[in-house]
């Protein structure tokens, strides 16, 4: 039981919900910051040479372009059909929250990405298309909103706090998430000290016994965190910035016995250092 939980290859996709993943796309580090539109078009062409970029089991960034008279950078993203982690419907229903999460995550850890868009005088658009369906969702961040966000007097800690709360809201839209047979995430909670993943355990598959090897499970989770999915680093970084840890709470579906695997703020900081 313990080894199966500890080394489940699905752990990393738990974190890759829509808001956490988008921050990777939001990063404009591949663009030169001169502010010249001709240069921007050249940099976009270079970026497209690196696409598509895939997150296995979730989706892929297909391409990036420049539209609306060269005033908007647009990213095209395909969401794989049937993924439980990234929901086009959830993005479409919560575009304002998704937008706010992108901005606050950038303010908390990657302010330069917003500064580059400002220097180029461009807004940003994300178009999400579900594979093999007609479902689409569009998230627009106009230049005016980017400038307004940069003018805010908000600390990195305050921005990280807001981003975590939006993470929580959007992640809940995808629940429950089946990790593997007998294990599913049924809730997420955030308090002043921890982010909790509440995991329902089918005790017919994984009986929760007194010899549950917490050390082995924790070792396996840390191993997965050391090879992060896109976007996971921003969430871990926001937890560290707000002095929080991360707890996986296993709850037996029959006995209701619970076992917590806790990672402290210091341990998360160490994970970020080693990535």
Protein backbone atom coordinates (compact mmCIF):
# COMPACT_ATOMS: atom_id res chain seq x y z
CA UNK A 1 0.00 0.00 0.00
CA UNK A 2 2.57 2.55 1.11
CA UNK A 3 4.87 2.15 -1.89
CA UNK A 4 1.97 2.44 -4.31
CA UNK A 5 0.84 5.70 -2.74
CA UNK A 6 4.36 6.99 -2.29
CA UNK A 7 5.42 6.55 -5.89
CA UNK A 8 2.18 7.16 -7.77
CA UNK A 9 3.09 8.90 -11.04
CA UNK A 10 -0.16 10.88 -10.89
CA UNK A 11 0.98 13.01 -7.94
CA UNK A 12 2.43 15.74 -10.08
CA UNK A 13 -0.75 16.17 -12.11
CA UNK A 14 -2.70 16.84 -8.92
CA UNK A 15 -1.20 20.32 -8.87
CA UNK A 16 -1.55 21.18 -12.52
CA UNK A 17 -4.98 22.74 -12.37
CA UNK A 18 -5.75 25.55 -14.75
CA UNK A 19 -4.59 28.49 -12.66
CA UNK A 20 -1.29 26.94 -11.69
CA UNK A 21 -0.49 25.95 -15.25
CA UNK A 22 -1.36 29.27 -16.85
CA UNK A 23 1.35 31.15 -14.97
CA UNK A 24 3.94 29.28 -17.05
CA UNK A 25 2.34 30.63 -20.20
CA UNK A 26 2.09 34.10 -18.69
CA UNK A 27 5.85 34.25 -18.26
CA UNK A 28 7.18 36.44 -21.06
CA UNK A 29 10.82 35.65 -20.39
CA UNK A 30 11.32 34.44 -23.95
CA UNK A 31 10.57 37.94 -25.24
CA UNK A 32 13.13 40.68 -25.58
CA UNK A 33 12.16 43.68 -23.44
CA UNK A 34 13.11 46.46 -25.86
CA UNK A 35 9.48 47.38 -26.56
CA UNK A 36 9.95 47.22 -30.34
CA UNK A 37 7.01 45.48 -32.11
CA UNK A 38 9.22 44.20 -34.93
CA UNK A 39 11.47 42.62 -32.34
CA UNK A 40 8.43 41.16 -30.60
CA UNK A 41 7.29 39.47 -33.82
CA UNK A 42 10.77 37.98 -34.20
CA UNK A 43 10.75 36.69 -30.63
CA UNK A 44 7.29 35.17 -31.12
CA UNK A 45 8.57 33.35 -34.20
CA UNK A 46 11.42 31.94 -32.10
CA UNK A 47 9.00 30.91 -29.36
CA UNK A 48 6.82 29.08 -31.89
CA UNK A 49 9.82 27.00 -32.88
CA UNK A 50 9.66 25.52 -29.37
CA UNK A 51 5.95 24.64 -29.56
CA UNK A 52 3.97 22.52 -29.06
CA UNK A 53 4.87 22.02 -25.40
CA UNK A 54 3.00 19.26 -23.64
CA UNK A 55 1.91 18.57 -20.08
CA UNK A 56 1.30 14.78 -20.26
CA UNK A 57 -2.29 13.80 -19.60
CA UNK A 58 -3.48 17.42 -19.41
CA UNK A 59 -2.83 19.41 -22.56
CA UNK A 60 -0.36 21.37 -24.63
CA UNK A 61 0.55 24.90 -25.63
CA UNK A 62 0.29 24.83 -29.42
CA UNK A 63 1.47 28.27 -30.49
CA UNK A 64 1.69 31.97 -29.72
CA UNK A 65 0.74 34.81 -32.05
CA UNK A 66 0.23 38.56 -32.34
CA UNK A 67 -3.28 39.78 -33.23
CA UNK A 68 -5.51 42.88 -33.12
CA UNK A 69 -3.11 45.13 -35.05
CA UNK A 70 -0.16 43.73 -33.08
CA UNK A 71 -1.68 44.87 -29.80
CA UNK A 72 -2.44 41.47 -28.23
CA UNK A 73 -0.19 38.44 -27.68
CA UNK A 74 -2.35 35.32 -27.93
CA UNK A 75 -1.56 31.82 -26.68
CA UNK A 76 -3.38 28.80 -28.11
CA UNK A 77 -3.79 25.89 -25.73
CA UNK A 78 -5.33 22.44 -26.34
CA UNK A 79 -6.89 20.67 -23.37
CA UNK A 80 -6.97 16.89 -23.72
CA UNK A 81 -10.44 15.40 -23.75
CA UNK A 82 -11.36 13.66 -20.50
CA UNK A 83 -8.68 15.21 -18.28
CA UNK A 84 -9.98 15.78 -14.76
CA UNK A 85 -7.43 18.42 -13.94
CA UNK A 86 -7.97 21.21 -16.47
CA UNK A 87 -11.56 22.09 -17.30
CA UNK A 88 -12.44 24.37 -20.21
CA UNK A 89 -15.92 24.72 -18.74
CA UNK A 90 -14.44 25.87 -15.41
CA UNK A 91 -12.26 28.45 -17.15
CA UNK A 92 -15.22 29.74 -19.17
CA UNK A 93 -17.39 30.04 -16.06
CA UNK A 94 -14.69 31.78 -14.00
CA UNK A 95 -12.68 33.94 -16.39
CA UNK A 96 -12.38 36.85 -13.95
CA UNK A 97 -10.95 34.59 -11.25
CA UNK A 98 -8.55 32.95 -13.70
CA UNK A 99 -7.39 36.38 -14.88
CA UNK A 100 -6.92 37.62 -11.31
CA UNK A 101 -4.96 34.49 -10.42
CA UNK A 102 -2.61 34.98 -13.38
CA UNK A 103 -1.94 38.59 -12.43
CA UNK A 104 -1.43 37.97 -8.70
CA UNK A 105 0.87 35.01 -9.33
CA UNK A 106 2.98 37.22 -11.57
CA UNK A 107 3.02 40.01 -8.96
CA UNK A 108 4.05 37.50 -6.30
CA UNK A 109 6.93 35.92 -8.16
CA UNK A 110 7.40 37.07 -11.74
CA UNK A 111 6.57 40.75 -11.96
CA UNK A 112 8.97 41.11 -14.87
CA UNK A 113 6.58 39.16 -17.14
CA UNK A 114 3.98 41.90 -16.68
CA UNK A 115 6.62 44.61 -17.09
CA UNK A 116 7.64 43.15 -20.46
CA UNK A 117 4.07 43.16 -21.75
CA UNK A 118 3.77 46.76 -20.55
CA UNK A 119 6.96 47.80 -22.36
CA UNK A 120 5.70 46.21 -25.55
CA UNK A 121 2.32 47.92 -25.01
CA UNK A 122 0.41 44.67 -25.57
CA UNK A 123 -2.36 42.81 -23.81
CA UNK A 124 -2.48 39.03 -23.45
CA UNK A 125 -5.12 36.51 -24.55
CA UNK A 126 -5.40 32.79 -23.82
CA UNK A 127 -7.60 30.57 -25.97
CA UNK A 128 -8.31 27.11 -24.54
CA UNK A 129 -9.80 24.48 -26.86
CA UNK A 130 -10.86 21.04 -25.69
CA UNK A 131 -9.54 18.30 -27.95
CA UNK A 132 -12.11 16.61 -30.20
CA UNK A 133 -14.95 18.92 -29.07
CA UNK A 134 -16.22 22.39 -29.87
CA UNK A 135 -15.58 23.66 -26.34
CA UNK A 136 -13.52 26.84 -26.08
CA UNK A 137 -12.73 29.40 -23.41
CA UNK A 138 -10.99 32.74 -23.81
CA UNK A 139 -9.27 34.77 -21.11
CA UNK A 140 -8.25 38.34 -21.96
CA UNK A 141 -5.90 40.53 -19.94
CA UNK A 142 -5.99 43.97 -21.61
CA UNK A 143 -2.95 46.22 -21.46
CA UNK A 144 -4.88 48.62 -19.22
CA UNK A 145 -5.34 45.91 -16.59
CA UNK A 146 -1.67 44.97 -16.75
CA UNK A 147 -0.68 48.60 -16.18
CA UNK A 148 -3.21 48.96 -13.35
CA UNK A 149 -1.89 45.80 -11.68
CA UNK A 150 1.69 47.07 -11.84
CA UNK A 151 0.62 50.36 -10.28
CA UNK A 152 -0.87 48.58 -7.26
CA UNK A 153 0.92 48.98 -3.96
CA UNK A 154 0.79 45.29 -3.13
CA UNK A 155 3.55 43.21 -1.58
CA UNK A 156 4.67 39.82 -2.89
CA UNK A 157 3.22 38.21 0.23
CA UNK A 158 -0.17 39.86 -0.29
CA UNK A 159 -0.20 38.86 -3.96
CA UNK A 160 0.76 35.28 -3.06
CA UNK A 161 -2.09 35.12 -0.53
CA UNK A 162 -4.62 36.23 -3.14
CA UNK A 163 -3.22 33.82 -5.72
CA UNK A 164 -3.47 30.87 -3.32
CA UNK A 165 -7.11 31.63 -2.56
CA UNK A 166 -7.94 31.75 -6.26
CA UNK A 167 -5.98 28.52 -6.75
CA UNK A 168 -8.15 26.92 -4.12
CA UNK A 169 -11.39 28.10 -5.69
CA UNK A 170 -10.45 26.94 -9.19
CA UNK A 171 -9.01 23.63 -8.03
CA UNK A 172 -12.27 22.82 -6.29
CA UNK A 173 -14.05 23.08 -9.64
CA UNK A 174 -12.31 19.87 -10.76
CA UNK A 175 -13.05 17.81 -7.64
CA UNK A 176 -13.21 14.94 -7.05
CA UNK A 177 -10.01 13.89 -8.84
CA UNK A 178 -9.19 10.18 -9.09
CA UNK A 179 -5.47 9.76 -8.45
CA UNK A 180 -5.51 6.02 -9.04
CA UNK A 181 -7.71 3.11 -8.07
CA UNK A 182 -8.68 3.51 -4.42
CA UNK A 183 -7.40 7.08 -4.04
CA UNK A 184 -9.20 10.29 -4.90
CA UNK A 185 -8.91 13.92 -3.86
CA UNK A 186 -12.26 15.03 -2.46
CA UNK A 187 -11.49 18.42 -0.94
CA UNK A 188 -8.93 21.20 -0.61
CA UNK A 189 -8.74 23.57 2.34
CA UNK A 190 -6.49 26.47 3.25
CA UNK A 191 -5.93 27.79 6.75
CA UNK A 192 -3.35 30.15 8.23
CA UNK A 193 -0.68 27.45 8.39
CA UNK A 194 -1.34 24.79 5.74
CA UNK A 195 -2.81 23.89 2.38
CA UNK A 196 -4.62 20.56 2.84
CA UNK A 197 -5.30 17.92 0.18
CA UNK A 198 -8.05 15.66 1.55
CA UNK A 199 -7.69 12.21 0.00
CA UNK A 200 -10.41 9.56 0.27
CA UNK A 201 -8.93 6.07 0.62
CA UNK A 202 -10.93 3.00 -0.44
CA UNK A 203 -9.95 0.65 2.36
CA UNK A 204 -10.84 -2.39 0.29
CA UNK A 205 -7.96 -1.42 -1.97
CA UNK A 206 -5.67 0.21 0.60
CA UNK A 207 -6.49 -0.78 4.19
CA UNK A 208 -5.24 1.94 6.54
CA UNK A 209 -3.32 -0.02 9.14
CA UNK A 210 -1.27 0.92 12.16
CA UNK A 211 1.94 0.16 10.27
CA UNK A 212 1.28 2.80 7.59
CA UNK A 213 4.76 3.92 6.58
CA UNK A 214 4.45 7.71 6.71
CA UNK A 215 8.17 8.19 6.06
CA UNK A 216 8.04 6.21 2.80
CA UNK A 217 4.96 8.06 1.61
CA UNK A 218 6.52 11.43 2.42
CA UNK A 219 9.73 10.46 0.65
CA UNK A 220 7.76 9.55 -2.47
CA UNK A 221 5.81 12.81 -2.45
CA UNK A 222 9.00 14.86 -2.09
CA UNK A 223 10.51 12.88 -4.96
CA UNK A 224 7.57 13.90 -7.15
CA UNK A 225 7.77 17.53 -6.02
CA UNK A 226 11.42 17.57 -7.06
CA UNK A 227 10.24 16.93 -10.65
CA UNK A 228 7.43 19.46 -10.76
CA UNK A 229 4.64 19.81 -13.27
CA UNK A 230 4.37 23.23 -14.93
CA UNK A 231 2.84 25.64 -12.48
CA UNK A 232 3.54 23.57 -9.38
CA UNK A 233 6.56 25.70 -8.52
CA UNK A 234 4.41 28.84 -8.35
CA UNK A 235 2.06 27.21 -5.86
CA UNK A 236 4.90 25.95 -3.68
CA UNK A 237 6.52 29.37 -3.89
CA UNK A 238 3.27 31.06 -2.83
CA UNK A 239 2.98 28.68 0.13
CA UNK A 240 6.50 29.59 1.20
CA UNK A 241 5.88 33.32 0.73
CA UNK A 242 2.82 33.09 3.00
CA UNK A 243 4.66 30.90 5.58
CA UNK A 244 2.49 27.84 4.98
CA UNK A 245 3.16 24.15 4.69
CA UNK A 246 1.45 21.43 2.63
CA UNK A 247 -0.47 18.50 4.13
CA UNK A 248 -1.85 15.38 2.45
CA UNK A 249 -4.64 14.00 4.62
CA UNK A 250 -5.63 10.40 3.90
CA UNK A 251 -9.08 9.47 5.23
CA UNK A 252 -10.35 5.88 5.27
CA UNK A 253 -13.74 5.65 3.58
CA UNK A 254 -15.04 3.15 6.16
CA UNK A 255 -13.06 3.66 9.36
CA UNK A 256 -12.72 7.45 8.85
CA UNK A 257 -9.25 7.08 10.31
CA UNK A 258 -6.99 9.84 9.03
CA UNK A 259 -3.27 10.03 8.50
CA UNK A 260 -1.51 13.32 7.73
CA UNK A 261 1.66 13.61 5.69
CA UNK A 262 2.98 17.10 6.43
CA UNK A 263 5.59 19.14 4.61
CA UNK A 264 6.69 22.21 6.52
CA UNK A 265 7.44 25.61 5.02
CA UNK A 266 11.14 24.85 5.45
CA UNK A 267 10.79 21.55 3.57
CA UNK A 268 8.94 23.25 0.73
CA UNK A 269 11.65 25.89 0.57
CA UNK A 270 14.21 23.10 0.32
CA UNK A 271 12.24 21.49 -2.52
CA UNK A 272 12.23 24.80 -4.42
CA UNK A 273 15.96 25.17 -3.85
CA UNK A 274 16.63 21.70 -5.29
CA UNK A 275 14.48 22.04 -8.41
